[in-house]
Amino acid sequence: MDRISVMPESLANLIAAGEVVERPASALKELVENSIDAQAKHILVEITLGGLKSIVVKDDGTGMSRDDASLCIERHASSKIKTSYDLMDIRTMGFRGEALPSIGAVSELRIDTSDGVEGTTILVSGGKPPKIQEAPLRQGTTVKVTDLFYNTPARLKYMKSPQLEKAKCVDVMQHIALGFPQVAFDVRADGKLVFSTTGRGDRIEVIQHIWGNDIAKAISRVDKVSYYGYSFECLIAKPEVNYSTKYQMMTFINSRFIYSFKLSRGIEDAYKDYLAPSRYPFACVFIDADPALIDVNVHPSKKEVRISGEESLAVSVRDTIRAALKQQRPIYGDRDTAQMVNQMSQVEPRISAPQISAHPVDQVVSQPVMPDSEFQNILAGTSGIAFQGNDRQETESAIAKARDSLAVPQPEAPVEKP
């Protein structure tokens, strides 16, 4: 009896969706990357209830023809790569051909697209066969995902709150906007504008639109450095701009946001002399690399990347940032500490430390204990400072130490011989 059979395509798509679409932010990332690969110059993103109710991504890219639109929802259908050699020269954000079929397997998916010649609408529901309809001839693509995970109750049950899922989606869009400053983004959540960028290609302007004026003013640009097949530039903030988490230490390679432990550790080490323990800076590193030196095909999320010579590259990043910080001569610590230091430098001390001069032993009253009044007179005579009675608490430690140094031990009484 035969026991092995080929899984139905709908079941295979559900399994693939478990890796590709982990949460609403994962689906949003895949859709926006498709828009970037379609050479879009303006991308509108709208999410509702953290993306669990709906995700809409609208772009003005090249769009798709009727035949391409019909194929885009098939597994491993892609316009990015054709041969195995293309895997060593990946220059696009997506290439696996798994995103749209995986999203369509766990949601209600609608795609409206046009290449300017013909318009097409694709409707997919829970991995069922698609429905193809006519659509307006507006060039570009609009993708709408509704009721994500409606047919996978176990996955839906373990989703976080809409507020947290919304924060994850916004975090994804911040990284994409910073990686592609030449693209204009409008990001809305529950009908409210979260942030908007102009697409003028200035990353500091993107930081200003997302993180605010104070952060943008604290940013300085480190000129591009070339290092053995790599080139990178850095945007680093002054040390007084710091956080309790590492989320604001961002690394990009070929405009793709990635996580690299070694590169993050290099940024930490560069700021080590300027920040308190468990405080982390705002810093962005943008690396341009030959695609042959990196391997993006590690995980469907494409966030984990293998980098050739990663350790030596991290050392170069560390040394570059450290040299830039040394040249800037920043204030140590955070902003509150910096303000406190400035305030202290402008306030005159209320009392100066007493200067106690040494006295010959024969001029010191040989008493084991000296009254405070006499001791204050001695201090007043030697240092020119009159201590008041209400300052006793502040100077008690100094008085005790000086009394001990001035006290002369009593000579032992002679022992009479019998």
Protein backbone atom coordinates (compact mmCIF):
# COMPACT_ATOMS: atom_id res chain seq x y z
CA MET A 1 0.00 0.00 0.00
CA ASP A 2 1.41 3.38 -1.01
CA ARG A 3 1.59 5.84 1.85
CA ILE A 4 3.48 8.79 0.33
CA SER A 5 1.65 11.28 -1.85
CA VAL A 6 2.19 14.81 -3.09
CA MET A 7 0.49 17.43 -0.92
CA PRO A 8 -2.22 19.57 -2.48
CA GLU A 9 -1.06 23.02 -3.51
CA SER A 10 -3.36 24.73 -1.01
CA LEU A 11 -1.83 22.71 1.85
CA ALA A 12 1.71 23.46 0.65
CA ASN A 13 0.89 27.17 0.60
CA LEU A 14 -0.41 27.01 4.16
CA ILE A 15 2.84 25.38 5.30
CA ALA A 16 4.93 27.95 3.45
CA ALA A 17 2.87 30.75 4.97
CA GLY A 18 4.04 29.66 8.41
CA GLU A 19 7.56 30.84 7.56
CA VAL A 20 6.90 33.73 5.20
CA VAL A 21 3.94 35.33 7.01
CA GLU A 22 4.67 35.17 10.71
CA ARG A 23 2.61 38.25 11.59
CA PRO A 24 1.01 41.26 9.83
CA ALA A 25 4.35 43.07 9.73
CA SER A 26 5.81 40.19 7.69
CA ALA A 27 3.07 40.45 5.08
CA LEU A 28 3.43 44.23 4.95
CA LYS A 29 7.18 43.95 4.42
CA GLU A 30 6.76 41.56 1.49
CA LEU A 31 4.16 43.74 -0.21
CA VAL A 32 6.16 46.96 0.13
CA GLU A 33 9.33 45.26 -1.14
CA ASN A 34 7.38 44.15 -4.22
CA SER A 35 6.39 47.77 -4.81
CA ILE A 36 10.02 48.89 -4.53
CA ASP A 37 11.10 46.22 -7.02
CA ALA A 38 8.39 47.55 -9.36
CA GLN A 39 10.27 50.90 -9.38
CA ALA A 40 7.57 52.76 -7.48
CA LYS A 41 8.31 56.37 -6.55
CA HIS A 42 5.43 56.82 -4.13
CA ILE A 43 3.98 54.13 -1.86
CA LEU A 44 0.88 54.49 0.32
CA VAL A 45 0.44 52.11 3.25
CA GLU A 46 -2.70 51.80 5.35
CA ILE A 47 -3.16 49.33 8.20
CA THR A 48 -6.21 48.70 10.38
CA LEU A 49 -6.13 47.06 13.82
CA GLY A 50 -2.43 46.34 13.56
CA GLY A 51 -2.86 44.80 10.11
CA LEU A 52 -5.07 41.98 11.39
CA LYS A 53 -8.19 43.50 9.87
CA SER A 54 -6.67 44.98 6.71
CA ILE A 55 -3.41 45.97 5.01
CA VAL A 56 -3.42 48.15 1.90
CA VAL A 57 -0.30 48.90 -0.17
CA LYS A 58 -0.74 51.19 -3.16
CA ASP A 59 2.11 52.16 -5.51
CA ASP A 60 2.74 53.92 -8.82
CA GLY A 61 5.17 51.31 -10.15
CA THR A 62 5.29 49.52 -13.48
CA GLY A 63 2.26 47.34 -12.76
CA MET A 64 1.59 43.92 -14.29
CA SER A 65 0.02 42.61 -17.45
CA ARG A 66 -2.88 40.16 -17.37
CA ASP A 67 -0.61 37.13 -17.80
CA ASP A 68 1.88 38.28 -15.15
CA ALA A 69 -0.91 39.04 -12.70
CA SER A 70 -2.28 35.53 -13.16
CA LEU A 71 1.14 33.98 -12.50
CA CYS A 72 2.14 36.14 -9.51
CA ILE A 73 -0.03 34.13 -7.13
CA GLU A 74 1.59 30.83 -8.13
CA ARG A 75 4.30 29.43 -5.87
CA HIS A 76 7.86 30.23 -6.91
CA ALA A 77 6.72 32.47 -9.76
CA SER A 78 9.07 35.46 -9.92
CA SER A 79 10.41 38.01 -12.37
CA LYS A 80 13.58 38.54 -10.29
CA ILE A 81 15.67 35.43 -11.02
CA LYS A 82 15.79 32.98 -13.91
CA THR A 83 18.82 30.73 -13.31
CA SER A 84 20.89 29.48 -10.39
CA TYR A 85 23.57 32.03 -11.22
CA ASP A 86 21.12 34.81 -10.43
CA LEU A 87 21.20 33.73 -6.77
CA MET A 88 24.79 35.00 -6.61
CA ASP A 89 23.80 38.40 -8.02
CA ILE A 90 20.59 39.35 -6.20
CA ARG A 91 19.92 43.06 -6.64
CA THR A 92 16.22 43.10 -5.79
CA MET A 93 14.39 42.98 -2.47
CA GLY A 94 12.38 39.88 -3.31
CA PHE A 95 13.27 36.84 -5.36
CA ARG A 96 11.76 33.70 -3.80
CA GLY A 97 8.28 33.96 -5.34
CA GLU A 98 6.55 32.87 -2.12
CA ALA A 99 5.03 36.05 -0.70
CA LEU A 100 1.76 36.50 -2.59
CA PRO A 101 0.69 32.82 -2.63
CA SER A 102 1.55 32.52 1.07
CA ILE A 103 -0.43 35.64 1.95
CA GLY A 104 -3.35 34.52 -0.21
CA ALA A 105 -3.41 31.16 1.59
CA VAL A 106 -4.20 32.74 4.99
CA SER A 107 -6.28 35.80 4.08
CA GLU A 108 -8.66 37.45 1.65
CA LEU A 109 -6.33 38.89 -1.03
CA ARG A 110 -7.23 41.42 -3.72
CA ILE A 111 -4.75 42.68 -6.33
CA ASP A 112 -5.63 45.55 -8.69
CA THR A 113 -2.86 46.16 -11.21
CA SER A 114 -2.28 47.75 -14.58
CA ASP A 115 0.74 48.26 -16.81
CA GLY A 116 -1.01 51.10 -18.62
CA VAL A 117 -2.28 48.80 -21.39
CA GLU A 118 -4.71 46.55 -19.55
CA GLY A 119 -6.04 46.40 -16.03
CA THR A 120 -6.52 43.22 -14.01
CA THR A 121 -8.09 42.33 -10.67
CA ILE A 122 -7.11 39.10 -8.91
CA LEU A 123 -9.23 37.76 -6.02
CA VAL A 124 -7.86 34.99 -3.79
CA SER A 125 -9.60 33.61 -0.70
CA GLY A 126 -7.85 31.20 1.61
CA GLY A 127 -5.75 29.58 -1.10
CA LYS A 128 -8.72 28.74 -3.33
CA PRO A 129 -8.42 29.12 -7.12
CA PRO A 130 -8.23 32.81 -8.04
CA LYS A 131 -10.89 34.89 -9.76
CA ILE A 132 -9.70 37.22 -12.54
CA GLN A 133 -11.63 40.37 -13.48
CA GLU A 134 -11.20 43.61 -15.41
CA ALA A 135 -9.76 46.63 -13.60
CA PRO A 136 -9.20 50.36 -14.31
CA LEU A 137 -6.12 51.40 -16.30
CA ARG A 138 -4.38 53.28 -13.49
CA GLN A 139 -0.73 52.32 -13.83
CA GLY A 140 0.59 50.70 -10.68
CA THR A 141 -0.58 48.09 -8.24
CA THR A 142 -2.86 48.11 -5.21
CA VAL A 143 -2.83 45.08 -2.91
CA LYS A 144 -5.39 44.69 -0.14
CA VAL A 145 -5.14 41.97 2.50
CA THR A 146 -8.13 41.51 4.81
CA ASP A 147 -8.88 39.12 7.68
CA LEU A 148 -5.34 37.83 7.99
CA PHE A 149 -5.13 34.33 9.53
CA TYR A 150 -8.92 33.93 9.45
CA ASN A 151 -8.54 30.27 8.42
CA THR A 152 -5.72 29.44 10.85
CA PRO A 153 -7.28 29.95 14.30
CA ALA A 154 -4.20 28.73 16.16
CA ARG A 155 -2.02 31.40 14.52
CA LEU A 156 -4.64 34.10 15.04
CA LYS A 157 -5.03 33.17 18.71
CA TYR A 158 -1.39 33.82 19.47
CA MET A 159 -1.20 37.20 17.75
CA LYS A 160 -0.38 40.05 20.10
CA SER A 161 -2.59 43.04 20.76
CA PRO A 162 -3.47 45.35 17.82
CA GLN A 163 -1.32 48.05 19.40
CA LEU A 164 1.76 45.83 19.43
CA GLU A 165 1.14 44.55 15.90
CA LYS A 166 0.74 48.15 14.77
CA ALA A 167 4.10 49.02 16.37
CA LYS A 168 5.73 46.11 14.52
CA CYS A 169 4.29 47.31 11.20
CA VAL A 170 5.46 50.87 11.81
CA ASP A 171 8.90 49.58 12.74
CA VAL A 172 9.12 47.72 9.42
CA MET A 173 8.10 50.82 7.49
CA GLN A 174 10.65 52.99 9.30
CA HIS A 175 13.46 50.67 8.24
CA ILE A 176 12.27 50.51 4.63
CA ALA A 177 11.85 54.29 4.42
CA LEU A 178 15.36 54.82 5.79
CA GLY A 179 16.81 52.27 3.40
CA PHE A 180 15.09 53.86 0.38
CA PRO A 181 15.08 57.64 0.92
CA GLN A 182 14.48 58.16 -2.82
CA VAL A 183 10.96 56.70 -2.44
CA ALA A 184 8.15 58.75 -0.91
CA PHE A 185 6.13 56.92 1.75
CA ASP A 186 2.80 57.75 3.38
CA VAL A 187 2.09 55.44 6.31
CA ARG A 188 -1.30 55.50 7.99
CA ALA A 189 -2.70 53.42 10.83
CA ASP A 190 -6.37 53.33 11.75
CA GLY A 191 -7.04 56.39 9.61
CA LYS A 192 -4.26 58.52 11.13
CA LEU A 193 -1.02 59.56 9.48
CA VAL A 194 1.96 57.95 11.23
CA PHE A 195 4.72 59.50 9.10
CA SER A 196 5.33 60.74 5.60
CA THR A 197 8.57 61.16 3.61
CA THR A 198 9.28 63.27 0.54
CA GLY A 199 11.43 60.88 -1.50
CA ARG A 200 14.17 63.45 -2.08
CA GLY A 201 16.95 61.02 -1.19
CA ASP A 202 18.16 62.65 2.04
CA ARG A 203 18.35 60.13 4.88
CA ILE A 204 18.70 62.81 7.55
CA GLU A 205 15.45 64.32 6.29
CA VAL A 206 13.84 60.87 6.61
CA ILE A 207 15.10 60.68 10.21
CA GLN A 208 13.59 64.10 10.87
CA HIS A 209 10.20 63.01 9.53
CA ILE A 210 10.19 59.77 11.54
CA TRP A 211 12.10 60.46 14.77
CA GLY A 212 11.75 64.23 15.04
CA ASN A 213 13.82 67.40 14.90
CA ASP A 214 15.84 66.80 18.07
CA ILE A 215 17.24 63.52 16.80
CA ALA A 216 17.91 64.91 13.32
CA LYS A 217 19.85 67.88 14.76
CA ALA A 218 22.05 65.50 16.78
CA ILE A 219 22.96 63.43 13.69
CA SER A 220 26.31 63.79 11.95
CA ARG A 221 27.30 62.12 8.71
CA VAL A 222 30.48 60.05 8.47
CA ASP A 223 31.93 60.10 4.96
CA LYS A 224 31.85 56.91 2.93
CA VAL A 225 34.70 54.49 3.63
CA SER A 226 35.86 51.74 1.27
CA TYR A 227 37.04 48.45 2.69
CA TYR A 228 37.95 45.34 0.64
CA GLY A 229 34.95 45.18 -1.67
CA TYR A 230 32.65 47.04 0.70
CA SER A 231 31.88 50.71 1.12
CA PHE A 232 29.85 52.15 3.94
CA GLU A 233 28.72 55.42 5.39
CA CYS A 234 27.34 56.13 8.85
CA LEU A 235 24.82 58.45 10.41
CA ILE A 236 25.65 58.74 14.09
CA ALA A 237 24.01 60.74 16.86
CA LYS A 238 25.76 62.39 19.77
CA PRO A 239 26.13 60.13 22.82
CA GLU A 240 23.60 62.14 24.81
CA VAL A 241 20.97 60.64 22.47
CA ASN A 242 20.79 57.11 23.84
CA TYR A 243 18.25 54.42 24.65
CA SER A 244 17.75 51.42 26.89
CA THR A 245 17.32 49.08 23.90
CA LYS A 246 19.30 48.33 20.74
CA TYR A 247 16.44 49.06 18.35
CA GLN A 248 17.97 52.36 17.22
CA MET A 249 21.22 50.70 16.11
CA MET A 250 20.36 49.92 12.49
CA THR A 251 22.40 48.18 9.82
CA PHE A 252 21.58 48.13 6.11
CA ILE A 253 23.31 46.26 3.33
CA ASN A 254 22.41 47.22 -0.24
CA SER A 255 19.49 49.20 1.25
CA ARG A 256 18.11 46.07 2.94
CA PHE A 257 17.66 46.24 6.71
CA ILE A 258 19.44 43.32 8.34
CA TYR A 259 20.49 42.17 11.78
CA SER A 260 24.15 41.37 12.33
CA PHE A 261 25.40 40.66 15.83
CA LYS A 262 29.00 41.47 14.92
CA LEU A 263 28.18 44.78 13.24
CA SER A 264 25.94 45.79 16.14
CA ARG A 265 28.70 44.91 18.59
CA GLY A 266 31.10 47.07 16.58
CA ILE A 267 28.76 50.06 16.97
CA GLU A 268 28.47 49.40 20.71
CA ASP A 269 32.23 49.23 21.13
CA ALA A 270 32.65 52.54 19.29
CA TYR A 271 30.38 54.27 21.84
CA LYS A 272 31.70 52.31 24.82
CA ASP A 273 33.70 55.22 26.28
CA TYR A 274 30.79 57.63 26.04
CA LEU A 275 27.76 55.75 27.35
CA ALA A 276 26.81 54.17 30.63
CA PRO A 277 26.35 50.40 30.75
CA SER A 278 23.12 49.13 29.18
CA ARG A 279 22.67 52.33 27.17
CA TYR A 280 22.75 52.24 23.38
CA PRO A 281 23.16 54.96 20.75
CA PHE A 282 21.24 56.06 17.70
CA ALA A 283 23.41 54.98 14.78
CA CYS A 284 22.81 53.82 11.21
CA VAL A 285 25.33 52.02 9.02
CA PHE A 286 24.65 51.78 5.28
CA ILE A 287 26.81 49.20 3.50
CA ASP A 288 27.15 48.82 -0.26
CA ALA A 289 28.49 45.41 -1.24
CA ASP A 290 28.95 43.26 -4.29
CA PRO A 291 26.01 40.80 -4.21
CA ALA A 292 28.52 37.97 -4.62
CA LEU A 293 29.92 38.77 -1.15
CA ILE A 294 26.62 38.26 0.66
CA ASP A 295 24.07 35.46 0.85
CA VAL A 296 20.49 36.64 1.29
CA ASN A 297 18.96 33.23 0.66
CA VAL A 298 19.18 32.11 4.29
CA HIS A 299 15.63 32.55 5.62
CA PRO A 300 12.34 33.51 3.95
CA SER A 301 12.24 36.73 5.99
CA LYS A 302 15.59 37.74 4.39
CA LYS A 303 16.55 39.55 7.59
CA GLU A 304 19.41 37.18 8.32
CA VAL A 305 22.27 37.55 5.84
CA ARG A 306 25.62 35.81 5.53
CA ILE A 307 28.42 38.34 4.95
CA SER A 308 31.88 37.45 3.71
CA GLY A 309 34.53 38.94 6.02
CA GLU A 310 31.88 40.11 8.49
CA GLU A 311 34.22 40.29 11.48
CA SER A 312 36.84 42.46 9.78
CA LEU A 313 34.08 44.66 8.37
CA ALA A 314 32.70 45.14 11.88
CA VAL A 315 36.15 46.20 13.10
CA SER A 316 36.36 48.77 10.29
CA VAL A 317 32.92 50.13 11.19
CA ARG A 318 33.92 50.35 14.86
CA ASP A 319 37.17 52.20 14.15
CA THR A 320 35.46 54.61 11.75
CA ILE A 321 32.72 55.57 14.22
CA ARG A 322 35.19 55.79 17.10
CA ALA A 323 37.44 58.17 15.13
CA ALA A 324 34.44 60.34 14.21
CA LEU A 325 33.31 60.53 17.85
CA LYS A 326 36.81 61.41 19.01
CA GLN A 327 36.96 64.24 16.51
CA GLN A 328 33.60 65.60 17.67
CA ARG A 329 34.66 65.58 21.36
CA PRO A 330 31.15 64.74 22.59
CA ILE A 331 29.84 65.13 26.14
CA TYR A 332 29.96 61.92 28.11
CA GLY A 333 26.67 60.48 29.28
CA ASP A 334 23.08 61.27 28.46
CA ARG A 335 21.32 64.57 27.94
CA ASP A 336 20.27 64.94 31.58
CA THR A 337 23.86 64.41 32.71
CA ALA A 338 25.12 66.92 30.17
CA GLN A 339 22.65 69.54 31.40
CA MET A 340 23.60 68.86 35.01
CA VAL A 341 27.30 69.28 34.22
CA ASN A 342 26.64 72.59 32.48
CA GLN A 343 24.57 73.85 35.43
CA MET A 344 27.20 72.80 37.95
CA SER A 345 29.92 74.58 36.02
CA GLN A 346 27.98 77.86 36.31
CA VAL A 347 27.37 77.67 40.09
CA GLU A 348 30.04 78.88 42.52
CA PRO A 349 30.84 76.46 45.35
CA ARG A 350 29.18 77.38 48.66
CA ILE A 351 32.25 76.47 50.70
CA SER A 352 35.74 75.54 49.75
CA ALA A 353 37.57 72.56 51.16
CA PRO A 354 39.72 73.45 54.19
CA GLN A 355 43.46 73.39 53.71
CA ILE A 356 45.15 71.93 56.80
CA SER A 357 48.82 72.65 57.22
CA ALA A 358 51.07 70.43 59.27
CA HIS A 359 52.02 71.59 62.77
CA PRO A 360 55.10 70.66 64.75
CA VAL A 361 54.32 68.28 67.52
CA ASP A 362 55.54 70.66 70.20
CA GLN A 363 53.01 73.32 69.06
CA VAL A 364 50.02 71.02 69.33
CA VAL A 365 48.05 70.72 72.51
CA SER A 366 48.70 67.21 73.64
CA GLN A 367 45.15 66.18 74.31
CA PRO A 368 43.63 63.00 72.99
CA VAL A 369 40.36 64.83 72.32
CA MET A 370 40.10 68.47 71.28
CA PRO A 371 36.88 70.48 71.60
CA ASP A 372 35.27 71.37 68.29
CA SER A 373 35.41 75.08 69.04
CA GLU A 374 39.22 75.03 69.44
CA PHE A 375 39.62 72.85 66.39
CA GLN A 376 37.54 75.26 64.31
CA ASN A 377 39.78 78.10 65.50
CA ILE A 378 42.85 76.17 64.36
CA LEU A 379 41.28 75.54 60.99
CA ALA A 380 40.29 79.19 60.74
CA GLY A 381 43.86 80.22 61.44
CA THR A 382 45.43 77.83 58.98
CA SER A 383 42.99 78.04 56.10
CA GLY A 384 41.35 81.44 56.52
CA ILE A 385 37.87 79.95 56.60
CA ALA A 386 35.47 80.39 59.52
CA PHE A 387 33.24 77.40 60.04
CA GLN A 388 29.74 78.07 61.32
CA GLY A 389 27.94 75.84 63.77
CA ASN A 390 25.25 74.88 61.26
CA ASP A 391 27.93 73.53 58.90
CA ARG A 392 28.90 70.85 61.39
CA GLN A 393 27.02 68.12 59.58
CA GLU A 394 28.73 68.86 56.26
CA THR A 395 32.25 69.09 57.75
CA GLU A 396 31.98 66.40 60.41
CA SER A 397 34.00 63.92 58.38
CA ALA A 398 36.80 66.41 57.67
CA ILE A 399 36.97 67.47 61.35
CA ALA A 400 37.21 63.88 62.55
CA LYS A 401 40.03 63.05 60.16
CA ALA A 402 41.98 66.21 61.00
CA ARG A 403 41.49 65.71 64.78
CA ASP A 404 42.95 62.22 64.51
CA SER A 405 45.97 63.52 62.60
CA LEU A 406 46.61 66.29 65.16
CA ALA A 407 46.04 64.29 68.34
CA VAL A 408 49.23 63.18 70.12
CA PRO A 409 49.09 59.99 72.11
CA GLN A 410 49.73 60.35 75.87
CA PRO A 411 53.17 59.07 77.01
CA GLU A 412 53.06 55.96 79.11
CA ALA A 413 53.67 56.48 82.84
CA PRO A 414 57.13 55.32 83.98
CA VAL A 415 57.15 52.06 85.82
CA GLU A 416 58.84 52.25 89.24
CA LYS A 417 61.46 49.67 89.88
CA PRO A 418 61.22 47.78 93.19
